[in-house]
């Protein structure tokens, strides 16, 4: 499994988590991802992940018009998406412990 594939899997779960809080459009999602990652993610990559989640029936999409008259796609999590996210709670907890330990180890290399 490549680094990019692992990262995209985690970002897909993050997207579902954010949609659990509230429906969002892709640009808003991109800002949230950039905020937690500390760097922007290409907007095209976000839409690829959203399309994949939609194809798996984890999200639905609706077209809405904003105050400027622009038509935007707003994404909502589905029941399948909720179940998929819940299914990953324990594995994410396990990975968090491993990642925290690994970060401490790597940071100690030059000390």
PDB file of N, CA and C in Angstrom:
ATOM      1  N   UNK A   1       0.853  -1.180   0.000  1.00  0.00           N
ATOM      2  CA  UNK A   1       0.000   0.000   0.000  1.00  0.00           C
ATOM      3  C   UNK A   1       0.899   1.242   0.000  1.00  0.00           C
ATOM      4  N   UNK A   2       0.655   2.165  -0.902  1.00  0.00           N
ATOM      5  CA  UNK A   2       1.496   3.344  -1.001  1.00  0.00           C
ATOM      6  C   UNK A   2       1.099   4.379   0.039  1.00  0.00           C
ATOM      7  N   UNK A   3       2.040   5.308   0.294  1.00  0.00           N
ATOM      8  CA  UNK A   3       1.762   6.395   1.233  1.00  0.00           C
ATOM      9  C   UNK A   3       0.526   7.177   0.810  1.00  0.00           C
ATOM     10  N   UNK A   4       0.423   7.449  -0.498  1.00  0.00           N
ATOM     11  CA  UNK A   4      -0.705   8.236  -0.997  1.00  0.00           C
ATOM     12  C   UNK A   4      -2.025   7.505  -0.767  1.00  0.00           C
ATOM     13  N   UNK A   5      -2.025   6.211  -0.953  1.00  0.00           N
ATOM     14  CA  UNK A   5      -3.259   5.433  -0.761  1.00  0.00           C
ATOM     15  C   UNK A   5      -3.679   5.436   0.713  1.00  0.00           C
ATOM     16  N   UNK A   6      -2.707   5.291   1.601  1.00  0.00           N
ATOM     17  CA  UNK A   6      -3.004   5.341   3.037  1.00  0.00           C
ATOM     18  C   UNK A   6      -3.571   6.708   3.393  1.00  0.00           C
ATOM     19  N   UNK A   7      -2.916   7.762   2.909  1.00  0.00           N
ATOM     20  CA  UNK A   7      -3.366   9.121   3.201  1.00  0.00           C
ATOM     21  C   UNK A   7      -4.768   9.359   2.650  1.00  0.00           C
ATOM     22  N   UNK A   8      -5.031   8.902   1.435  1.00  0.00           N
ATOM     23  CA  UNK A   8      -6.370   9.085   0.859  1.00  0.00           C
ATOM     24  C   UNK A   8      -7.424   8.333   1.658  1.00  0.00           C
ATOM     25  N   UNK A   9      -7.074   7.157   2.182  1.00  0.00           N
ATOM     26  CA  UNK A   9      -8.011   6.416   3.029  1.00  0.00           C
ATOM     27  C   UNK A   9      -8.342   7.180   4.296  1.00  0.00           C
ATOM     28  N   UNK A  10      -7.308   7.754   4.920  1.00  0.00           N
ATOM     29  CA  UNK A  10      -7.535   8.541   6.137  1.00  0.00           C
ATOM     30  C   UNK A  10      -8.332   9.806   5.841  1.00  0.00           C
ATOM     31  N   UNK A  11      -8.010  10.451   4.730  1.00  0.00           N
ATOM     32  CA  UNK A  11      -8.741  11.669   4.372  1.00  0.00           C
ATOM     33  C   UNK A  11     -10.198  11.338   4.048  1.00  0.00           C
ATOM     34  N   UNK A  12     -10.444  10.203   3.424  1.00  0.00           N
ATOM     35  CA  UNK A  12     -11.830   9.790   3.154  1.00  0.00           C
ATOM     36  C   UNK A  12     -12.604   9.620   4.454  1.00  0.00           C
ATOM     37  N   UNK A  13     -11.969   9.006   5.444  1.00  0.00           N
ATOM     38  CA  UNK A  13     -12.619   8.867   6.754  1.00  0.00           C
ATOM     39  C   UNK A  13     -12.827  10.237   7.397  1.00  0.00           C
ATOM     40  N   UNK A  14     -11.839  11.124   7.252  1.00  0.00           N
ATOM     41  CA  UNK A  14     -11.974  12.481   7.796  1.00  0.00           C
ATOM     42  C   UNK A  14     -13.154  13.201   7.134  1.00  0.00           C
ATOM     43  N   UNK A  15     -13.276  13.059   5.822  1.00  0.00           N
ATOM     44  CA  UNK A  15     -14.393  13.674   5.100  1.00  0.00           C
ATOM     45  C   UNK A  15     -15.725  13.173   5.657  1.00  0.00           C
ATOM     46  N   UNK A  16     -15.840  11.873   5.841  1.00  0.00           N
ATOM     47  CA  UNK A  16     -17.083  11.325   6.403  1.00  0.00           C
ATOM     48  C   UNK A  16     -17.343  11.888   7.797  1.00  0.00           C
ATOM     49  N   UNK A  17     -16.295  12.016   8.599  1.00  0.00           N
ATOM     50  CA  UNK A  17     -16.448  12.576   9.937  1.00  0.00           C
ATOM     51  C   UNK A  17     -16.932  14.013   9.905  1.00  0.00           C
ATOM     52  N   UNK A  18     -16.393  14.797   8.984  1.00  0.00           N
ATOM     53  CA  UNK A  18     -16.828  16.189   8.863  1.00  0.00           C
ATOM     54  C   UNK A  18     -18.269  16.269   8.368  1.00  0.00           C
ATOM     55  N   UNK A  19     -18.631  15.380   7.442  1.00  0.00           N
ATOM     56  CA  UNK A  19     -20.013  15.379   6.943  1.00  0.00           C
ATOM     57  C   UNK A  19     -20.995  14.882   7.990  1.00  0.00           C
ATOM     58  N   UNK A  20     -20.505  14.122   8.945  1.00  0.00           N
ATOM     59  CA  UNK A  20     -21.357  13.698  10.058  1.00  0.00           C
ATOM     60  C   UNK A  20     -21.762  14.917  10.889  1.00  0.00           C
ATOM     61  N   UNK A  21     -20.868  15.894  10.987  1.00  0.00           N
ATOM     62  CA  UNK A  21     -21.150  17.122  11.741  1.00  0.00           C
ATOM     63  C   UNK A  21     -22.142  18.013  11.001  1.00  0.00           C
ATOM     64  N   UNK A  22     -21.938  18.145   9.678  1.00  0.00           N
ATOM     65  CA  UNK A  22     -22.815  19.003   8.875  1.00  0.00           C
ATOM     66  C   UNK A  22     -22.539  18.784   7.388  1.00  0.00           C
ATOM     67  N   UNK A  23     -23.539  18.999   6.531  1.00  0.00           N
ATOM     68  CA  UNK A  23     -23.308  18.919   5.086  1.00  0.00           C
ATOM     69  C   UNK A  23     -22.339  20.026   4.649  1.00  0.00           C
ATOM     70  N   UNK A  24     -21.488  19.714   3.678  1.00  0.00           N
ATOM     71  CA  UNK A  24     -20.493  20.677   3.197  1.00  0.00           C
ATOM     72  C   UNK A  24     -20.347  20.567   1.687  1.00  0.00           C
ATOM     73  N   UNK A  25     -19.849  21.646   1.074  1.00  0.00           N
ATOM     74  CA  UNK A  25     -19.470  21.525  -0.333  1.00  0.00           C
ATOM     75  C   UNK A  25     -17.955  21.331  -0.404  1.00  0.00           C
ATOM     76  N   UNK A  26     -17.465  20.965  -1.572  1.00  0.00           N
ATOM     77  CA  UNK A  26     -16.071  20.571  -1.729  1.00  0.00           C
ATOM     78  C   UNK A  26     -15.065  21.618  -1.293  1.00  0.00           C
ATOM     79  N   UNK A  27     -15.328  22.888  -1.609  1.00  0.00           N
ATOM     80  CA  UNK A  27     -14.393  23.948  -1.233  1.00  0.00           C
ATOM     81  C   UNK A  27     -14.276  24.052   0.286  1.00  0.00           C
ATOM     82  N   UNK A  28     -15.398  23.998   0.981  1.00  0.00           N
ATOM     83  CA  UNK A  28     -15.375  24.032   2.453  1.00  0.00           C
ATOM     84  C   UNK A  28     -14.595  22.845   3.002  1.00  0.00           C
ATOM     85  N   UNK A  29     -14.806  21.687   2.392  1.00  0.00           N
ATOM     86  CA  UNK A  29     -14.091  20.493   2.832  1.00  0.00           C
ATOM     87  C   UNK A  29     -12.592  20.682   2.647  1.00  0.00           C
ATOM     88  N   UNK A  30     -12.203  21.253   1.525  1.00  0.00           N
ATOM     89  CA  UNK A  30     -10.787  21.510   1.268  1.00  0.00           C
ATOM     90  C   UNK A  30     -10.166  22.412   2.317  1.00  0.00           C
ATOM     91  N   UNK A  31     -10.888  23.436   2.736  1.00  0.00           N
ATOM     92  CA  UNK A  31     -10.372  24.335   3.776  1.00  0.00           C
ATOM     93  C   UNK A  31     -10.194  23.598   5.095  1.00  0.00           C
ATOM     94  N   UNK A  32     -11.121  22.729   5.431  1.00  0.00           N
ATOM     95  CA  UNK A  32     -11.008  21.969   6.689  1.00  0.00           C
ATOM     96  C   UNK A  32      -9.835  20.997   6.645  1.00  0.00           C
ATOM     97  N   UNK A  33      -9.674  20.328   5.519  1.00  0.00           N
ATOM     98  CA  UNK A  33      -8.558  19.388   5.379  1.00  0.00           C
ATOM     99  C   UNK A  33      -7.235  20.138   5.476  1.00  0.00           C
ATOM    100  N   UNK A  34      -7.124  21.268   4.790  1.00  0.00           N
ATOM    101  CA  UNK A  34      -5.897  22.070   4.840  1.00  0.00           C
ATOM    102  C   UNK A  34      -5.607  22.534   6.258  1.00  0.00           C
ATOM    103  N   UNK A  35      -6.643  22.858   6.994  1.00  0.00           N
ATOM    104  CA  UNK A  35      -6.474  23.327   8.368  1.00  0.00           C
ATOM    105  C   UNK A  35      -5.859  22.249   9.256  1.00  0.00           C
ATOM    106  N   UNK A  36      -6.313  21.009   9.132  1.00  0.00           N
ATOM    107  CA  UNK A  36      -5.777  19.947   9.993  1.00  0.00           C
ATOM    108  C   UNK A  36      -4.447  19.407   9.484  1.00  0.00           C
ATOM    109  N   UNK A  37      -4.232  19.449   8.162  1.00  0.00           N
ATOM    110  CA  UNK A  37      -2.981  18.935   7.607  1.00  0.00           C
ATOM    111  C   UNK A  37      -1.863  19.967   7.645  1.00  0.00           C
ATOM    112  N   UNK A  38      -2.236  21.226   7.788  1.00  0.00           N
ATOM    113  CA  UNK A  38      -1.230  22.274   7.790  1.00  0.00           C
ATOM    114  C   UNK A  38      -0.735  22.638   6.402  1.00  0.00           C
ATOM    115  N   UNK A  39      -1.382  22.123   5.386  1.00  0.00           N
ATOM    116  CA  UNK A  39      -1.040  22.443   3.999  1.00  0.00           C
ATOM    117  C   UNK A  39      -2.253  22.135   3.126  1.00  0.00           C
ATOM    118  N   UNK A  40      -2.369  22.861   2.024  1.00  0.00           N
ATOM    119  CA  UNK A  40      -3.534  22.612   1.169  1.00  0.00           C
ATOM    120  C   UNK A  40      -3.421  21.284   0.433  1.00  0.00           C
ATOM    121  N   UNK A  41      -4.555  20.719   0.160  1.00  0.00           N
ATOM    122  CA  UNK A  41      -4.643  19.516  -0.670  1.00  0.00           C
ATOM    123  C   UNK A  41      -5.247  19.960  -1.991  1.00  0.00           C
ATOM    124  N   UNK A  42      -4.730  19.470  -3.120  1.00  0.00           N
ATOM    125  CA  UNK A  42      -5.314  19.891  -4.402  1.00  0.00           C
ATOM    126  C   UNK A  42      -6.826  19.662  -4.428  1.00  0.00           C
ATOM    127  N   UNK A  43      -7.546  20.688  -4.836  1.00  0.00           N
ATOM    128  CA  UNK A  43      -9.007  20.624  -4.849  1.00  0.00           C
ATOM    129  C   UNK A  43      -9.493  19.447  -5.695  1.00  0.00           C
ATOM    130  N   UNK A  44      -8.788  19.169  -6.795  1.00  0.00           N
ATOM    131  CA  UNK A  44      -9.173  18.044  -7.647  1.00  0.00           C
ATOM    132  C   UNK A  44      -9.124  16.721  -6.904  1.00  0.00           C
ATOM    133  N   UNK A  45      -8.141  16.569  -6.022  1.00  0.00           N
ATOM    134  CA  UNK A  45      -8.021  15.330  -5.240  1.00  0.00           C
ATOM    135  C   UNK A  45      -9.198  15.165  -4.291  1.00  0.00           C
ATOM    136  N   UNK A  46      -9.655  16.272  -3.731  1.00  0.00           N
ATOM    137  CA  UNK A  46     -10.800  16.223  -2.817  1.00  0.00           C
ATOM    138  C   UNK A  46     -12.043  15.752  -3.572  1.00  0.00           C
ATOM    139  N   UNK A  47     -12.238  16.278  -4.772  1.00  0.00           N
ATOM    140  CA  UNK A  47     -13.414  15.880  -5.551  1.00  0.00           C
ATOM    141  C   UNK A  47     -13.326  14.424  -6.005  1.00  0.00           C
ATOM    142  N   UNK A  48     -12.109  13.935  -6.260  1.00  0.00           N
ATOM    143  CA  UNK A  48     -11.944  12.515  -6.596  1.00  0.00           C
ATOM    144  C   UNK A  48     -12.379  11.655  -5.409  1.00  0.00           C
ATOM    145  N   UNK A  49     -11.971  12.047  -4.195  1.00  0.00           N
ATOM    146  CA  UNK A  49     -12.362  11.297  -2.998  1.00  0.00           C
ATOM    147  C   UNK A  49     -13.866  11.379  -2.767  1.00  0.00           C
ATOM    148  N   UNK A  50     -14.442  12.565  -2.947  1.00  0.00           N
ATOM    149  CA  UNK A  50     -15.891  12.716  -2.782  1.00  0.00           C
ATOM    150  C   UNK A  50     -16.651  11.862  -3.801  1.00  0.00           C
ATOM    151  N   UNK A  51     -16.160  11.816  -5.032  1.00  0.00           N
ATOM    152  CA  UNK A  51     -16.812  10.989  -6.059  1.00  0.00           C
ATOM    153  C   UNK A  51     -16.732   9.514  -5.678  1.00  0.00           C
ATOM    154  N   UNK A  52     -15.572   9.099  -5.176  1.00  0.00           N
ATOM    155  CA  UNK A  52     -15.410   7.707  -4.746  1.00  0.00           C
ATOM    156  C   UNK A  52     -16.375   7.375  -3.607  1.00  0.00           C
ATOM    157  N   UNK A  53     -16.494   8.288  -2.643  1.00  0.00           N
ATOM    158  CA  UNK A  53     -17.421   8.077  -1.527  1.00  0.00           C
ATOM    159  C   UNK A  53     -18.866   8.030  -2.019  1.00  0.00           C
ATOM    160  N   UNK A  54     -19.181   8.852  -3.002  1.00  0.00           N
ATOM    161  CA  UNK A  54     -20.533   8.852  -3.582  1.00  0.00           C
ATOM    162  C   UNK A  54     -20.796   7.533  -4.304  1.00  0.00           C
ATOM    163  N   UNK A  55     -19.808   7.059  -5.065  1.00  0.00           N
ATOM    164  CA  UNK A  55     -19.964   5.794  -5.794  1.00  0.00           C
ATOM    165  C   UNK A  55     -20.146   4.607  -4.852  1.00  0.00           C
ATOM    166  N   UNK A  56     -19.623   4.717  -3.646  1.00  0.00           N
ATOM    167  CA  UNK A  56     -19.757   3.644  -2.653  1.00  0.00           C
ATOM    168  C   UNK A  56     -21.010   3.833  -1.788  1.00  0.00           C
ATOM    169  N   UNK A  57     -21.815   4.839  -2.117  1.00  0.00           N
ATOM    170  CA  UNK A  57     -23.048   5.160  -1.399  1.00  0.00           C
ATOM    171  C   UNK A  57     -22.784   5.611   0.039  1.00  0.00           C
ATOM    172  N   UNK A  58     -21.629   6.228   0.272  1.00  0.00           N
ATOM    173  CA  UNK A  58     -21.311   6.757   1.598  1.00  0.00           C
ATOM    174  C   UNK A  58     -21.715   8.224   1.725  1.00  0.00           C
ATOM    175  N   UNK A  59     -21.865   8.900   0.582  1.00  0.00           N
ATOM    176  CA  UNK A  59     -22.335  10.288   0.584  1.00  0.00           C
ATOM    177  C   UNK A  59     -23.333  10.474  -0.550  1.00  0.00           C
ATOM    178  N   UNK A  60     -24.186  11.467  -0.375  1.00  0.00           N
ATOM    179  CA  UNK A  60     -25.066  11.912  -1.453  1.00  0.00           C
ATOM    180  C   UNK A  60     -24.714  13.360  -1.745  1.00  0.00           C
ATOM    181  N   UNK A  61     -25.206  13.829  -2.876  1.00  0.00           N
ATOM    182  CA  UNK A  61     -24.878  15.179  -3.307  1.00  0.00           C
ATOM    183  C   UNK A  61     -26.166  15.888  -3.702  1.00  0.00           C
ATOM    184  N   UNK A  62     -26.252  17.155  -3.338  1.00  0.00           N
ATOM    185  CA  UNK A  62     -27.380  17.976  -3.792  1.00  0.00           C
ATOM    186  C   UNK A  62     -26.828  19.271  -4.360  1.00  0.00           C
ATOM    187  N   UNK A  63     -27.514  19.813  -5.342  1.00  0.00           N
ATOM    188  CA  UNK A  63     -27.114  21.092  -5.912  1.00  0.00           C
ATOM    189  C   UNK A  63     -27.849  22.205  -5.172  1.00  0.00           C
ATOM    190  N   UNK A  64     -27.086  23.187  -4.716  1.00  0.00           N
ATOM    191  CA  UNK A  64     -27.660  24.339  -4.020  1.00  0.00           C
ATOM    192  C   UNK A  64     -27.114  25.609  -4.657  1.00  0.00           C
ATOM    193  N   UNK A  65     -27.880  26.676  -4.566  1.00  0.00           N
ATOM    194  CA  UNK A  65     -27.450  27.965  -5.090  1.00  0.00           C
ATOM    195  C   UNK A  65     -27.070  28.857  -3.920  1.00  0.00           C
ATOM    196  N   UNK A  66     -25.856  29.415  -3.972  1.00  0.00           N
ATOM    197  CA  UNK A  66     -25.413  30.288  -2.880  1.00  0.00           C
ATOM    198  C   UNK A  66     -25.924  31.710  -3.095  1.00  0.00           C
ATOM    199  N   UNK A  67     -25.548  32.596  -2.182  1.00  0.00           N
ATOM    200  CA  UNK A  67     -26.041  33.975  -2.231  1.00  0.00           C
ATOM    201  C   UNK A  67     -25.537  34.741  -3.450  1.00  0.00           C
ATOM    202  N   UNK A  68     -24.467  34.256  -4.098  1.00  0.00           N
ATOM    203  CA  UNK A  68     -23.944  34.898  -5.309  1.00  0.00           C
ATOM    204  C   UNK A  68     -24.575  34.329  -6.578  1.00  0.00           C
ATOM    205  N   UNK A  69     -25.496  33.385  -6.408  1.00  0.00           N
ATOM    206  CA  UNK A  69     -26.147  32.767  -7.550  1.00  0.00           C
ATOM    207  C   UNK A  69     -25.376  31.602  -8.149  1.00  0.00           C
ATOM    208  N   UNK A  70     -24.293  31.202  -7.495  1.00  0.00           N
ATOM    209  CA  UNK A  70     -23.496  30.072  -7.982  1.00  0.00           C
ATOM    210  C   UNK A  70     -24.137  28.757  -7.540  1.00  0.00           C
ATOM    211  N   UNK A  71     -24.130  27.785  -8.432  1.00  0.00           N
ATOM    212  CA  UNK A  71     -24.647  26.459  -8.096  1.00  0.00           C
ATOM    213  C   UNK A  71     -23.488  25.631  -7.541  1.00  0.00           C
ATOM    214  N   UNK A  72     -23.662  25.126  -6.330  1.00  0.00           N
ATOM    215  CA  UNK A  72     -22.638  24.332  -5.654  1.00  0.00           C
ATOM    216  C   UNK A  72     -23.179  22.941  -5.360  1.00  0.00           C
ATOM    217  N   UNK A  73     -22.267  21.995  -5.227  1.00  0.00           N
ATOM    218  CA  UNK A  73     -22.637  20.639  -4.821  1.00  0.00           C
ATOM    219  C   UNK A  73     -22.390  20.514  -3.326  1.00  0.00           C
ATOM    220  N   UNK A  74     -23.437  20.232  -2.587  1.00  0.00           N
ATOM    221  CA  UNK A  74     -23.316  20.029  -1.144  1.00  0.00           C
ATOM    222  C   UNK A  74     -23.415  18.531  -0.881  1.00  0.00           C
ATOM    223  N   UNK A  75     -22.499  18.049  -0.050  1.00  0.00           N
ATOM    224  CA  UNK A  75     -22.425  16.616   0.236  1.00  0.00           C
ATOM    225  C   UNK A  75     -22.995  16.315   1.614  1.00  0.00           C
ATOM    226  N   UNK A  76     -23.689  15.169   1.703  1.00  0.00           N
ATOM    227  CA  UNK A  76     -24.291  14.679   2.941  1.00  0.00           C
ATOM    228  C   UNK A  76     -23.826  13.245   3.159  1.00  0.00           C
ATOM    229  N   UNK A  77     -23.599  12.863   4.403  1.00  0.00           N
ATOM    230  CA  UNK A  77     -23.258  11.477   4.702  1.00  0.00           C
ATOM    231  C   UNK A  77     -24.535  10.636   4.678  1.00  0.00           C
ATOM    232  N   UNK A  78     -24.421   9.402   4.195  1.00  0.00           N
ATOM    233  CA  UNK A  78     -25.559   8.479   4.172  1.00  0.00           C
ATOM    234  C   UNK A  78     -25.467   7.540   5.379  1.00  0.00           C
ATOM    235  N   UNK A  79     -26.489   6.730   5.537  1.00  0.00           N
ATOM    236  CA  UNK A  79     -26.457   5.729   6.614  1.00  0.00           C
ATOM    237  C   UNK A  79     -25.316   4.738   6.384  1.00  0.00           C
ATOM    238  N   UNK A  80     -25.082   4.355   5.128  1.00  0.00           N
ATOM    239  CA  UNK A  80     -23.940   3.475   4.823  1.00  0.00           C
ATOM    240  C   UNK A  80     -22.624   4.147   5.209  1.00  0.00           C
ATOM    241  N   UNK A  81     -22.532   5.443   4.953  1.00  0.00           N
ATOM    242  CA  UNK A  81     -21.327   6.187   5.323  1.00  0.00           C
ATOM    243  C   UNK A  81     -21.135   6.237   6.827  1.00  0.00           C
ATOM    244  N   UNK A  82     -22.218   6.413   7.552  1.00  0.00           N
ATOM    245  CA  UNK A  82     -22.150   6.410   9.025  1.00  0.00           C
ATOM    246  C   UNK A  82     -21.654   5.061   9.536  1.00  0.00           C
ATOM    247  N   UNK A  83     -22.205   3.988   8.981  1.00  0.00           N
ATOM    248  CA  UNK A  83     -21.802   2.643   9.405  1.00  0.00           C
ATOM    249  C   UNK A  83     -20.335   2.379   9.071  1.00  0.00           C
ATOM    250  N   UNK A  84     -19.911   2.796   7.897  1.00  0.00           N
ATOM    251  CA  UNK A  84     -18.516   2.623   7.489  1.00  0.00           C
ATOM    252  C   UNK A  84     -17.587   3.369   8.445  1.00  0.00           C
ATOM    253  N   UNK A  85     -17.967   4.580   8.799  1.00  0.00           N
ATOM    254  CA  UNK A  85     -17.163   5.378   9.726  1.00  0.00           C
ATOM    255  C   UNK A  85     -17.111   4.720  11.101  1.00  0.00           C
ATOM    256  N   UNK A  86     -18.255   4.270  11.597  1.00  0.00           N
ATOM    257  CA  UNK A  86     -18.297   3.597  12.905  1.00  0.00           C
ATOM    258  C   UNK A  86     -17.431   2.344  12.914  1.00  0.00           C
ATOM    259  N   UNK A  87     -17.422   1.640  11.802  1.00  0.00           N
ATOM    260  CA  UNK A  87     -16.650   0.411  11.677  1.00  0.00           C
ATOM    261  C   UNK A  87     -15.142   0.659  11.841  1.00  0.00           C
ATOM    262  N   UNK A  88     -14.708   1.885  11.603  1.00  0.00           N
ATOM    263  CA  UNK A  88     -13.285   2.207  11.665  1.00  0.00           C
ATOM    264  C   UNK A  88     -12.849   2.830  12.991  1.00  0.00           C
ATOM    265  N   UNK A  89     -13.739   2.950  13.947  1.00  0.00           N
ATOM    266  CA  UNK A  89     -13.393   3.590  15.223  1.00  0.00           C
ATOM    267  C   UNK A  89     -12.247   2.871  15.924  1.00  0.00           C
ATOM    268  N   UNK A  90     -12.358   1.580  16.119  1.00  0.00           N
ATOM    269  CA  UNK A  90     -11.312   0.832  16.837  1.00  0.00           C
ATOM    270  C   UNK A  90      -9.994   0.789  16.069  1.00  0.00           C
ATOM    271  N   UNK A  91     -10.011   0.484  14.760  1.00  0.00           N
ATOM    272  CA  UNK A  91      -8.736   0.520  14.033  1.00  0.00           C
ATOM    273  C   UNK A  91      -8.058   1.889  14.095  1.00  0.00           C
ATOM    274  N   UNK A  92      -8.843   2.964  14.040  1.00  0.00           N
ATOM    275  CA  UNK A  92      -8.254   4.301  14.129  1.00  0.00           C
ATOM    276  C   UNK A  92      -7.612   4.539  15.489  1.00  0.00           C
ATOM    277  N   UNK A  93      -8.240   4.052  16.547  1.00  0.00           N
ATOM    278  CA  UNK A  93      -7.650   4.190  17.885  1.00  0.00           C
ATOM    279  C   UNK A  93      -6.318   3.456  17.955  1.00  0.00           C
ATOM    280  N   UNK A  94      -6.257   2.262  17.398  1.00  0.00           N
ATOM    281  CA  UNK A  94      -5.018   1.480  17.400  1.00  0.00           C
ATOM    282  C   UNK A  94      -3.925   2.182  16.605  1.00  0.00           C
ATOM    283  N   UNK A  95      -4.280   2.683  15.442  1.00  0.00           N
ATOM    284  CA  UNK A  95      -3.305   3.371  14.600  1.00  0.00           C
ATOM    285  C   UNK A  95      -2.810   4.639  15.281  1.00  0.00           C
ATOM    286  N   UNK A  96      -3.696   5.355  15.967  1.00  0.00           N
ATOM    287  CA  UNK A  96      -3.292   6.584  16.649  1.00  0.00           C
ATOM    288  C   UNK A  96      -2.189   6.298  17.653  1.00  0.00           C
ATOM    289  N   UNK A  97      -2.316   5.242  18.425  1.00  0.00           N
ATOM    290  CA  UNK A  97      -1.297   4.883  19.414  1.00  0.00           C
ATOM    291  C   UNK A  97       0.020   4.581  18.713  1.00  0.00           C
ATOM    292  N   UNK A  98      -0.038   3.814  17.628  1.00  0.00           N
ATOM    293  CA  UNK A  98       1.178   3.473  16.894  1.00  0.00           C
ATOM    294  C   UNK A  98       1.833   4.706  16.288  1.00  0.00           C
ATOM    295  N   UNK A  99       1.038   5.581  15.691  1.00  0.00           N
ATOM    296  CA  UNK A  99       1.574   6.787  15.061  1.00  0.00           C
ATOM    297  C   UNK A  99       2.194   7.704  16.108  1.00  0.00           C
ATOM    298  N   UNK A 100       1.522   7.895  17.237  1.00  0.00           N
ATOM    299  CA  UNK A 100       2.084   8.726  18.309  1.00  0.00           C
ATOM    300  C   UNK A 100       3.437   8.190  18.761  1.00  0.00           C
ATOM    301  N   UNK A 101       3.542   6.880  18.936  1.00  0.00           N
ATOM    302  CA  UNK A 101       4.796   6.262  19.348  1.00  0.00           C
ATOM    303  C   UNK A 101       5.864   6.436  18.272  1.00  0.00           C
ATOM    304  N   UNK A 102       5.493   6.251  17.027  1.00  0.00           N
ATOM    305  CA  UNK A 102       6.435   6.395  15.927  1.00  0.00           C
ATOM    306  C   UNK A 102       6.952   7.826  15.820  1.00  0.00           C
ATOM    307  N   UNK A 103       6.085   8.803  15.984  1.00  0.00           N
ATOM    308  CA  UNK A 103       6.498  10.209  15.936  1.00  0.00           C
ATOM    309  C   UNK A 103       7.527  10.496  17.021  1.00  0.00           C
ATOM    310  N   UNK A 104       7.282  10.020  18.230  1.00  0.00           N
ATOM    311  CA  UNK A 104       8.248  10.217  19.318  1.00  0.00           C
ATOM    312  C   UNK A 104       9.593   9.583  18.980  1.00  0.00           C
ATOM    313  N   UNK A 105       9.565   8.404  18.397  1.00  0.00           N
ATOM    314  CA  UNK A 105      10.798   7.713  18.020  1.00  0.00           C
ATOM    315  C   UNK A 105      11.557   8.490  16.954  1.00  0.00           C
ATOM    316  N   UNK A 106      10.864   8.932  15.923  1.00  0.00           N
ATOM    317  CA  UNK A 106      11.502   9.665  14.830  1.00  0.00           C
ATOM    318  C   UNK A 106      12.045  11.001  15.317  1.00  0.00           C
ATOM    319  N   UNK A 107      11.292  11.700  16.142  1.00  0.00           N
ATOM    320  CA  UNK A 107      11.752  12.991  16.657  1.00  0.00           C
ATOM    321  C   UNK A 107      12.976  12.847  17.545  1.00  0.00           C
ATOM    322  N   UNK A 108      13.158  11.693  18.151  1.00  0.00           N
ATOM    323  CA  UNK A 108      14.305  11.467  19.037  1.00  0.00           C
ATOM    324  C   UNK A 108      15.581  11.123  18.270  1.00  0.00           C
ATOM    325  N   UNK A 109      15.511  10.904  16.980  1.00  0.00           N
ATOM    326  CA  UNK A 109      16.683  10.496  16.200  1.00  0.00           C
ATOM    327  C   UNK A 109      17.818  11.501  16.317  1.00  0.00           C
ATOM    328  N   UNK A 110      17.548  12.762  16.162  1.00  0.00           N
ATOM    329  CA  UNK A 110      18.605  13.778  16.168  1.00  0.00           C
ATOM    330  C   UNK A 110      18.857  14.399  17.528  1.00  0.00           C
ATOM    331  N   UNK A 111      18.281  13.855  18.564  1.00  0.00           N
ATOM    332  CA  UNK A 111      18.462  14.440  19.904  1.00  0.00           C
ATOM    333  C   UNK A 111      19.629  13.808  20.599  1.00  0.00           C
TER     334      UNK A 111
END
